[in-house]
Amino acid sequence: MPLQTRVTPFGEIVARPWRGTLMGNRGILHDENRNLGSARWRHKNWVCCVTEFRGRHREVMPMAGAPTRYTALFFWDEPSALAAGHRPCGECRNADYRRFKAAWAGAGLQGASASEIDQVLHKARVTRDRRQVTHQAMLDDLPDGVFIRQDGVALLKWQGGLWRWSERGYEASGPVPRGAATVLTPAPTVAAMRAGFEPMAPVGLSD
């Protein structure tokens, strides 16, 4: 039975068999039976990490007494991690984090330190009752790597087209139309992407 550790572009943490290409951390969300309770975060520094770093090994859901204890979360790829409200980790992805910080500053966003950036991001990604925060934007003004919601489906904007995300990968959904859209990726992250931050390429595109 898969553990409840996979994160969708809607920010939902689900139990699914697919493997993520990146992992993340929001603190200890599991109990001694490796089940998630009602909490979906314990702190605001939601990071997105590589799955291998300096030969480190740890349990996905460590029990009490473990040297480092947090619930490991997994993402299909970086665009979906960004949509869920995470940012590059400053340790295992330091170069990407520095690029993100530079673009953040270039976009004129408040905050210079990681904690200050996380404070701004947190208000833009989730409400107190755990609902994902969305915003409206014109599709042709959105950079590549941004997710939108359309008819209950998560669509990725990438290289002139829209791609429907699923647990099997992406399916082409046609060219980018004109008009407004409901955006899943937090507004500050979108601003940083407009200012030059480029996420890792999406995984599993297919025509």
Protein backbone atom coordinates (compact mmCIF):
# COMPACT_ATOMS: atom_id res chain seq x y z
CA MET A 1 0.00 0.00 0.00
CA PRO A 2 1.61 3.32 -1.03
CA LEU A 3 2.32 5.83 1.70
CA GLN A 4 0.51 9.18 1.65
CA THR A 5 3.53 11.15 0.45
CA ARG A 6 2.86 12.21 -3.17
CA VAL A 7 1.99 15.86 -3.77
CA THR A 8 -0.12 16.93 -6.74
CA PRO A 9 -0.04 20.35 -8.46
CA PHE A 10 -3.18 21.13 -6.42
CA GLY A 11 -1.10 20.80 -3.25
CA GLU A 12 -2.93 17.64 -2.16
CA ILE A 13 -0.89 14.94 -0.38
CA VAL A 14 -2.11 11.58 -1.67
CA ALA A 15 -1.25 7.88 -1.48
CA ARG A 16 -0.32 6.86 -5.02
CA PRO A 17 2.16 4.36 -6.52
CA TRP A 18 4.02 6.77 -8.82
CA ARG A 19 7.57 7.78 -7.89
CA GLY A 20 8.52 11.41 -7.65
CA THR A 21 11.62 12.92 -9.27
CA LEU A 22 12.01 15.48 -6.44
CA MET A 23 11.20 15.43 -2.75
CA GLY A 24 10.20 18.04 -0.20
CA ASN A 25 9.68 18.81 3.46
CA ARG A 26 6.99 20.52 5.53
CA GLY A 27 7.92 19.00 8.89
CA ILE A 28 6.63 15.92 10.73
CA LEU A 29 3.17 15.11 9.39
CA HIS A 30 2.98 11.37 10.18
CA ASP A 31 2.27 9.39 13.34
CA GLU A 32 3.83 6.19 14.74
CA ASN A 33 1.72 4.17 12.29
CA ARG A 34 3.03 6.19 9.32
CA ASN A 35 -0.36 7.81 8.73
CA LEU A 36 -0.92 11.50 8.10
CA GLY A 37 -3.21 13.40 10.43
CA SER A 38 -4.99 16.65 9.65
CA ALA A 39 -1.85 18.82 9.54
CA ARG A 40 -0.36 19.53 6.12
CA TRP A 41 2.57 21.60 7.36
CA ARG A 42 4.47 22.23 10.59
CA HIS A 43 6.57 25.14 9.34
CA LYS A 44 6.59 27.59 6.44
CA ASN A 45 9.87 26.71 4.74
CA TRP A 46 8.45 24.36 2.15
CA VAL A 47 11.48 23.24 0.16
CA CYS A 48 11.94 21.10 -2.93
CA CYS A 49 15.00 18.83 -2.92
CA VAL A 50 16.83 16.31 -5.07
CA THR A 51 16.24 12.68 -4.09
CA GLU A 52 19.98 11.89 -3.86
CA PHE A 53 22.49 14.10 -2.07
CA ARG A 54 25.95 13.23 -0.75
CA GLY A 55 25.03 9.59 -0.22
CA ARG A 56 22.56 10.34 2.55
CA HIS A 57 19.93 7.71 3.35
CA ARG A 58 16.87 8.08 5.56
CA GLU A 59 13.41 6.61 6.04
CA VAL A 60 10.52 8.30 4.25
CA MET A 61 8.60 8.48 7.53
CA PRO A 62 11.13 8.13 10.38
CA MET A 63 9.94 7.24 13.85
CA ALA A 64 10.69 9.16 17.05
CA GLY A 65 14.39 9.21 17.88
CA ALA A 66 15.61 9.35 14.28
CA PRO A 67 18.54 11.77 13.71
CA THR A 68 16.53 13.82 11.20
CA ARG A 69 12.79 13.44 11.44
CA TYR A 70 10.31 14.81 8.91
CA THR A 71 7.78 13.41 6.46
CA ALA A 72 9.38 13.15 3.03
CA LEU A 73 7.04 14.40 0.30
CA PHE A 74 7.47 13.63 -3.40
CA PHE A 75 6.70 15.60 -6.55
CA TRP A 76 6.31 14.51 -10.15
CA ASP A 77 8.69 17.29 -11.25
CA GLU A 78 9.68 20.85 -10.38
CA PRO A 79 6.78 22.66 -12.11
CA SER A 80 4.32 20.62 -10.02
CA ALA A 81 6.37 21.26 -6.85
CA LEU A 82 6.31 25.00 -7.52
CA ALA A 83 2.54 24.85 -8.13
CA ALA A 84 2.12 23.15 -4.75
CA GLY A 85 3.93 26.08 -3.12
CA HIS A 86 7.48 24.78 -2.68
CA ARG A 87 10.76 26.48 -3.62
CA PRO A 88 14.29 25.16 -4.31
CA CYS A 89 16.20 23.96 -1.26
CA GLY A 90 19.14 26.13 -0.22
CA GLU A 91 21.33 23.13 0.66
CA CYS A 92 21.00 20.31 -1.86
CA ARG A 93 19.97 22.69 -4.68
CA ASN A 94 22.00 25.73 -3.69
CA ALA A 95 22.65 26.96 -7.24
CA ASP A 96 18.93 26.74 -8.08
CA TYR A 97 18.05 28.45 -4.80
CA ARG A 98 20.43 31.32 -5.57
CA ARG A 99 18.87 31.68 -9.04
CA PHE A 100 15.44 31.73 -7.42
CA LYS A 101 16.53 34.39 -4.90
CA ALA A 102 18.05 36.54 -7.66
CA ALA A 103 14.85 36.33 -9.73
CA TRP A 104 12.79 37.04 -6.58
CA ALA A 105 14.77 40.23 -6.03
CA GLY A 106 14.61 41.08 -9.73
CA ALA A 107 10.82 40.85 -9.57
CA GLY A 108 10.79 43.43 -6.76
CA LEU A 109 9.29 40.99 -4.26
CA GLN A 110 9.67 41.56 -0.52
CA GLY A 111 12.12 39.43 1.44
CA ALA A 112 15.81 38.67 1.05
CA SER A 113 16.40 35.73 3.40
CA ALA A 114 14.91 32.26 3.05
CA SER A 115 12.61 32.81 6.04
CA GLU A 116 11.39 36.14 4.65
CA ILE A 117 10.73 34.60 1.23
CA ASP A 118 8.85 31.75 2.90
CA GLN A 119 6.67 34.19 4.82
CA VAL A 120 5.59 35.84 1.57
CA LEU A 121 5.14 32.52 -0.21
CA HIS A 122 3.06 31.02 2.57
CA LYS A 123 0.39 33.69 2.30
CA ALA A 124 0.21 33.10 -1.46
CA ARG A 125 0.06 29.32 -1.48
CA VAL A 126 -2.40 28.14 1.19
CA THR A 127 -5.14 29.39 3.50
CA ARG A 128 -5.38 28.61 7.21
CA ASP A 129 -8.01 25.97 6.45
CA ARG A 130 -5.58 24.25 4.01
CA ARG A 131 -7.14 25.43 0.76
CA GLN A 132 -4.81 26.20 -2.10
CA VAL A 133 -4.64 29.90 -2.95
CA THR A 134 -5.15 30.64 -6.65
CA HIS A 135 -5.12 33.85 -8.65
CA GLN A 136 -6.20 35.10 -12.05
CA ALA A 137 -3.82 36.02 -14.88
CA MET A 138 -3.81 36.27 -18.65
CA LEU A 139 -2.54 33.09 -20.23
CA ASP A 140 -0.25 34.82 -22.71
CA ASP A 141 1.41 36.66 -19.79
CA LEU A 142 2.35 33.48 -17.94
CA PRO A 143 5.87 32.03 -18.26
CA ASP A 144 6.65 28.43 -19.10
CA GLY A 145 6.40 26.08 -16.13
CA VAL A 146 3.25 27.59 -14.60
CA PHE A 147 0.20 25.46 -13.80
CA ILE A 148 -3.37 26.58 -14.33
CA ARG A 149 -6.68 24.95 -13.38
CA GLN A 150 -9.32 24.41 -16.03
CA ASP A 151 -12.48 22.33 -15.49
CA GLY A 152 -10.92 20.72 -12.44
CA VAL A 153 -7.80 19.67 -14.34
CA ALA A 154 -4.22 20.84 -13.77
CA LEU A 155 -2.67 22.11 -17.01
CA LEU A 156 0.98 23.04 -17.47
CA LYS A 157 1.99 25.85 -19.80
CA TRP A 158 5.10 24.79 -21.70
CA GLN A 159 6.63 25.91 -25.00
CA GLY A 160 3.49 27.32 -26.55
CA GLY A 161 1.16 24.53 -25.46
CA LEU A 162 -0.93 23.33 -22.55
CA TRP A 163 -0.22 19.89 -21.07
CA ARG A 164 -2.67 17.98 -18.90
CA TRP A 165 -1.01 16.54 -15.80
CA SER A 166 -1.94 13.07 -14.62
CA GLU A 167 -0.36 10.35 -12.51
CA ARG A 168 0.97 8.79 -15.73
CA GLY A 169 2.62 11.95 -17.05
CA TYR A 170 1.50 14.77 -19.33
CA GLU A 171 -0.79 14.68 -22.33
CA ALA A 172 -0.90 17.42 -24.94
CA SER A 173 -4.00 19.59 -24.54
CA GLY A 174 -3.54 21.95 -27.47
CA PRO A 175 -1.99 25.38 -28.00
CA VAL A 176 -2.21 28.13 -25.40
CA PRO A 177 -5.47 30.04 -25.96
CA ARG A 178 -6.06 33.71 -25.26
CA GLY A 179 -7.87 34.90 -22.18
CA ALA A 180 -7.68 34.70 -18.41
CA ALA A 181 -6.94 31.60 -16.38
CA THR A 182 -7.02 30.40 -12.79
CA VAL A 183 -3.38 29.97 -11.80
CA LEU A 184 -2.26 27.31 -9.32
CA THR A 185 1.39 28.37 -9.08
CA PRO A 186 1.65 31.03 -6.33
CA ALA A 187 1.74 34.59 -7.64
CA PRO A 188 5.18 35.43 -6.15
CA THR A 189 6.68 32.31 -7.75
CA VAL A 190 5.15 33.30 -11.09
CA ALA A 191 6.68 36.75 -10.69
CA ALA A 192 10.11 35.21 -10.03
CA MET A 193 9.69 33.03 -13.12
CA ARG A 194 8.83 36.08 -15.20
CA ALA A 195 11.98 37.71 -13.82
CA GLY A 196 14.15 34.86 -15.07
CA PHE A 197 13.86 31.80 -12.83
CA GLU A 198 13.52 28.73 -15.04
CA PRO A 199 12.38 25.49 -13.39
CA MET A 200 13.67 22.08 -14.38
CA ALA A 201 11.95 20.76 -17.50
CA PRO A 202 8.72 18.84 -16.91
CA VAL A 203 8.96 15.05 -16.81
CA GLY A 204 6.90 12.77 -19.02
CA LEU A 205 5.63 14.97 -21.84
CA SER A 206 3.94 12.95 -24.60
CA ASP A 207 1.96 13.93 -27.68
